[in-house]
């Protein structure tokens, strides 16, 4: 008698992906960090507008014809004493559900774009940028809590600023990286705001300067690729796109 293998629920949910060939024909992606002048314009480019697909995650993890879209958000705050940006660092515990991520450190928040995140334009087609924004709001609201100087919990969009950066690809990772493309953007919170993690599977380490993060042992690859692409967080923000928001 055959033994049935239980499939985790998160593996059968439908998520958003994009046709690999269409994306690579539109933008010459390199292995690593790829700066993009406008993420919104890229995602709405006519040549890839019809290349989005919604498939079960389990199917996509073995199908190299598609790349799973995954917004990856760094949270920045100006340090009053140094006059430089700090970035929020956290650690994933062994309870995150994926062995390869357990114990790792990261500066990126986010997750797969679920069916519930998908937005449509007036012509009933997929609105990719509105979809990304909806996903980011859901993920950050689920994972983080934001409070002002008086300790009052706030909706982060009320006082934060969005900036868009680029795409992260990791073709050298045959197991996971080649099947994903990260959409990197940041939110900049006011100087007097505090940020804490809400999920038990995460451990918040607070806002850290770039040098401290770069020296952190066990920092996940996408975070390292971001750090390796810039000289400073100020330089990253200065060369980013605000008009998308």
Protein backbone atom coordinates (compact mmCIF):
# COMPACT_ATOMS: atom_id res chain seq x y z
CA UNK A 1 0.00 0.00 0.00
CA UNK A 2 1.38 3.38 -1.01
CA UNK A 3 1.90 6.00 1.68
CA UNK A 4 0.43 9.39 0.85
CA UNK A 5 2.81 12.28 1.33
CA UNK A 6 1.16 15.37 2.78
CA UNK A 7 1.81 18.49 0.71
CA UNK A 8 2.22 21.69 2.77
CA UNK A 9 -0.65 24.12 2.23
CA UNK A 10 1.65 26.94 1.15
CA UNK A 11 2.87 24.75 -1.73
CA UNK A 12 -0.56 24.37 -3.34
CA UNK A 13 -1.75 27.98 -3.14
CA UNK A 14 -1.77 29.92 -6.42
CA UNK A 15 0.90 32.63 -6.71
CA UNK A 16 2.01 35.14 -9.34
CA UNK A 17 4.89 34.41 -11.70
CA UNK A 18 6.24 35.79 -14.96
CA UNK A 19 7.42 34.09 -18.12
CA UNK A 20 11.21 33.92 -17.92
CA UNK A 21 11.85 34.46 -21.63
CA UNK A 22 9.58 37.52 -21.80
CA UNK A 23 11.30 39.14 -18.82
CA UNK A 24 14.81 38.37 -20.05
CA UNK A 25 13.98 39.64 -23.55
CA UNK A 26 12.76 42.91 -22.04
CA UNK A 27 15.59 43.45 -19.58
CA UNK A 28 19.09 42.03 -19.82
CA UNK A 29 19.37 40.52 -16.37
CA UNK A 30 22.70 39.64 -14.83
CA UNK A 31 23.24 37.16 -12.03
CA UNK A 32 22.92 39.28 -8.91
CA UNK A 33 21.63 42.81 -8.43
CA UNK A 34 20.06 44.67 -11.36
CA UNK A 35 19.26 48.35 -10.94
CA UNK A 36 16.11 49.48 -12.74
CA UNK A 37 15.23 53.15 -13.46
CA UNK A 38 11.53 52.51 -12.85
CA UNK A 39 10.10 49.27 -11.47
CA UNK A 40 6.58 50.41 -12.34
CA UNK A 41 7.44 51.09 -15.97
CA UNK A 42 9.29 47.79 -16.24
CA UNK A 43 6.43 45.71 -14.84
CA UNK A 44 3.95 47.52 -17.11
CA UNK A 45 6.05 47.17 -20.27
CA UNK A 46 3.78 45.94 -23.11
CA UNK A 47 6.17 43.11 -24.00
CA UNK A 48 5.67 41.49 -20.60
CA UNK A 49 2.14 42.65 -19.81
CA UNK A 50 0.77 39.37 -21.12
CA UNK A 51 3.55 37.26 -19.61
CA UNK A 52 2.17 37.06 -16.07
CA UNK A 53 0.73 33.77 -14.91
CA UNK A 54 -0.93 32.43 -11.79
CA UNK A 55 0.11 28.90 -10.96
CA UNK A 56 0.38 26.69 -7.90
CA UNK A 57 3.64 27.23 -6.08
CA UNK A 58 4.51 23.53 -6.15
CA UNK A 59 4.30 23.55 -9.96
CA UNK A 60 6.39 26.69 -10.32
CA UNK A 61 9.20 25.43 -8.11
CA UNK A 62 10.11 22.86 -10.76
CA UNK A 63 9.25 24.84 -13.89
CA UNK A 64 12.18 26.93 -15.20
CA UNK A 65 9.96 28.58 -17.81
CA UNK A 66 8.58 30.86 -15.10
CA UNK A 67 10.07 33.01 -12.35
CA UNK A 68 8.12 33.56 -9.15
CA UNK A 69 7.76 37.27 -8.31
CA UNK A 70 8.71 38.12 -4.76
CA UNK A 71 8.74 41.73 -3.47
CA UNK A 72 11.68 42.22 -1.09
CA UNK A 73 11.41 45.30 1.12
CA UNK A 74 14.16 46.92 3.16
CA UNK A 75 13.12 49.25 5.98
CA UNK A 76 15.32 52.33 6.42
CA UNK A 77 15.49 55.03 9.10
CA UNK A 78 17.73 58.07 9.34
CA UNK A 79 20.07 57.94 12.33
CA UNK A 80 19.92 61.34 14.05
CA UNK A 81 23.42 60.99 15.52
CA UNK A 82 25.30 59.87 12.41
CA UNK A 83 23.18 61.56 9.73
CA UNK A 84 23.15 58.26 7.81
CA UNK A 85 20.51 55.66 7.11
CA UNK A 86 20.27 52.50 9.18
CA UNK A 87 18.47 49.38 7.95
CA UNK A 88 16.29 47.00 9.96
CA UNK A 89 17.87 43.60 10.54
CA UNK A 90 16.15 40.44 11.73
CA UNK A 91 16.79 36.73 12.13
CA UNK A 92 14.61 33.84 11.06
CA UNK A 93 14.23 31.08 13.65
CA UNK A 94 14.18 27.36 12.86
CA UNK A 95 10.36 27.58 12.87
CA UNK A 96 10.03 29.49 9.59
CA UNK A 97 9.07 26.32 7.72
CA UNK A 98 11.98 26.22 5.25
CA UNK A 99 15.14 24.54 6.54
CA UNK A 100 17.41 26.53 4.26
CA UNK A 101 16.25 29.82 5.82
CA UNK A 102 16.20 28.80 9.48
CA UNK A 103 18.77 30.73 11.51
CA UNK A 104 19.64 33.14 8.71
CA UNK A 105 19.69 36.93 9.02
CA UNK A 106 17.99 39.26 6.56
CA UNK A 107 17.23 42.89 5.76
CA UNK A 108 14.39 42.04 3.37
CA UNK A 109 10.73 41.54 4.24
CA UNK A 110 8.05 40.11 1.96
CA UNK A 111 6.72 36.99 0.37
CA UNK A 112 5.12 35.46 -2.68
CA UNK A 113 2.34 37.38 -4.43
CA UNK A 114 -0.84 35.51 -3.52
CA UNK A 115 -4.04 35.39 -5.53
CA UNK A 116 -5.61 37.73 -2.95
CA UNK A 117 -3.01 40.40 -3.82
CA UNK A 118 -3.84 40.47 -7.53
CA UNK A 119 -5.35 43.72 -8.80
CA UNK A 120 -6.90 44.37 -12.21
CA UNK A 121 -6.92 47.48 -14.36
CA UNK A 122 -9.99 49.07 -15.93
CA UNK A 123 -9.65 46.87 -19.02
CA UNK A 124 -9.79 43.79 -16.73
CA UNK A 125 -6.13 42.95 -17.33
CA UNK A 126 -3.63 42.41 -14.53
CA UNK A 127 -2.34 45.61 -12.95
CA UNK A 128 1.16 44.46 -11.94
CA UNK A 129 2.23 47.55 -10.02
CA UNK A 130 -0.98 47.79 -7.99
CA UNK A 131 -0.60 44.07 -7.31
CA UNK A 132 2.94 44.54 -5.99
CA UNK A 133 1.84 47.45 -3.80
CA UNK A 134 -1.02 45.39 -2.37
CA UNK A 135 1.33 42.50 -1.62
CA UNK A 136 3.85 44.76 0.08
CA UNK A 137 1.19 46.33 2.27
CA UNK A 138 -0.17 42.93 3.32
CA UNK A 139 3.25 41.45 4.05
CA UNK A 140 4.57 44.42 6.05
CA UNK A 141 1.33 44.70 8.01
CA UNK A 142 1.53 41.00 8.88
CA UNK A 143 5.23 40.95 9.75
CA UNK A 144 5.92 44.33 11.37
CA UNK A 145 4.45 46.82 13.83
CA UNK A 146 5.21 50.54 13.54
CA UNK A 147 4.94 53.00 16.45
CA UNK A 148 5.66 56.72 16.65
CA UNK A 149 7.62 58.61 19.28
CA UNK A 150 4.67 58.42 21.69
CA UNK A 151 4.33 54.67 21.30
CA UNK A 152 1.16 54.91 19.22
CA UNK A 153 0.83 52.13 16.65
CA UNK A 154 0.45 53.48 13.13
CA UNK A 155 -0.30 52.41 9.60
CA UNK A 156 3.18 52.60 8.10
CA UNK A 157 1.92 54.22 4.88
CA UNK A 158 0.80 57.33 6.80
CA UNK A 159 4.32 58.56 7.43
CA UNK A 160 6.70 56.49 5.36
CA UNK A 161 8.22 57.06 1.94
CA UNK A 162 8.58 54.40 -0.74
CA UNK A 163 11.60 54.18 -3.02
CA UNK A 164 12.13 51.61 -5.80
CA UNK A 165 15.51 50.06 -6.55
CA UNK A 166 15.79 47.03 -8.84
CA UNK A 167 15.56 43.30 -9.38
CA UNK A 168 17.56 40.49 -7.80
CA UNK A 169 18.23 37.26 -9.65
CA UNK A 170 20.36 34.36 -8.52
CA UNK A 171 20.82 32.07 -11.49
CA UNK A 172 23.74 30.34 -9.80
CA UNK A 173 21.37 28.84 -7.22
CA UNK A 174 19.94 25.85 -9.09
CA UNK A 175 17.59 24.84 -6.27
CA UNK A 176 15.77 28.08 -5.40
CA UNK A 177 17.32 31.19 -6.91
CA UNK A 178 16.79 30.36 -10.58
CA UNK A 179 13.04 30.08 -10.01
CA UNK A 180 12.60 33.50 -8.35
CA UNK A 181 13.06 37.17 -9.11
CA UNK A 182 13.03 39.64 -6.22
CA UNK A 183 11.53 43.10 -6.65
CA UNK A 184 13.61 45.27 -4.33
CA UNK A 185 12.16 48.43 -2.85
CA UNK A 186 12.43 50.27 0.46
CA UNK A 187 10.28 52.19 2.85
CA UNK A 188 11.87 55.04 4.81
CA UNK A 189 10.22 55.55 8.18
CA UNK A 190 10.43 58.79 10.21
CA UNK A 191 13.38 59.22 12.56
CA UNK A 192 11.31 58.85 15.74
CA UNK A 193 9.47 55.68 14.70
CA UNK A 194 10.16 52.26 16.17
CA UNK A 195 9.74 48.99 14.28
CA UNK A 196 9.19 45.56 15.83
CA UNK A 197 8.52 42.15 14.32
CA UNK A 198 5.08 40.64 14.90
CA UNK A 199 5.67 37.03 13.89
CA UNK A 200 6.96 34.51 16.44
CA UNK A 201 9.20 32.88 13.83
CA UNK A 202 11.23 36.10 13.49
CA UNK A 203 13.61 37.81 15.91
CA UNK A 204 14.02 41.55 15.48
CA UNK A 205 17.57 42.88 15.79
CA UNK A 206 16.71 46.56 15.34
CA UNK A 207 18.12 49.21 13.03
CA UNK A 208 21.79 48.70 12.19
CA UNK A 209 24.35 50.62 10.17
CA UNK A 210 25.59 49.22 6.89
CA UNK A 211 28.93 48.10 8.28
CA UNK A 212 27.32 46.09 11.08
CA UNK A 213 24.95 44.36 8.68
CA UNK A 214 27.74 43.58 6.22
CA UNK A 215 29.73 41.91 9.02
CA UNK A 216 26.79 39.77 10.16
CA UNK A 217 27.47 36.06 9.86
CA UNK A 218 24.66 34.07 8.27
CA UNK A 219 23.22 36.93 6.21
CA UNK A 220 21.06 35.47 3.44
CA UNK A 221 22.15 35.77 -0.19
CA UNK A 222 19.63 38.36 -1.41
CA UNK A 223 20.60 40.69 1.43
CA UNK A 224 24.29 40.22 0.60
CA UNK A 225 23.61 40.95 -3.07
CA UNK A 226 21.97 44.25 -2.10
CA UNK A 227 24.91 45.24 0.10
CA UNK A 228 27.39 44.26 -2.57
CA UNK A 229 25.72 46.54 -5.11
CA UNK A 230 26.17 49.82 -3.24
CA UNK A 231 28.69 51.98 -1.45
CA UNK A 232 26.21 53.30 1.12
CA UNK A 233 22.51 53.29 1.94
CA UNK A 234 22.48 57.01 1.12
CA UNK A 235 23.79 56.19 -2.36
CA UNK A 236 21.08 53.54 -2.76
CA UNK A 237 18.33 56.02 -1.91
CA UNK A 238 19.84 58.81 -4.02
CA UNK A 239 19.84 56.62 -7.13
CA UNK A 240 16.37 55.24 -6.56
CA UNK A 241 13.03 56.03 -8.13
CA UNK A 242 10.38 57.88 -6.14
CA UNK A 243 8.05 58.78 -9.02
CA UNK A 244 6.63 55.23 -9.12
CA UNK A 245 4.86 55.95 -5.86
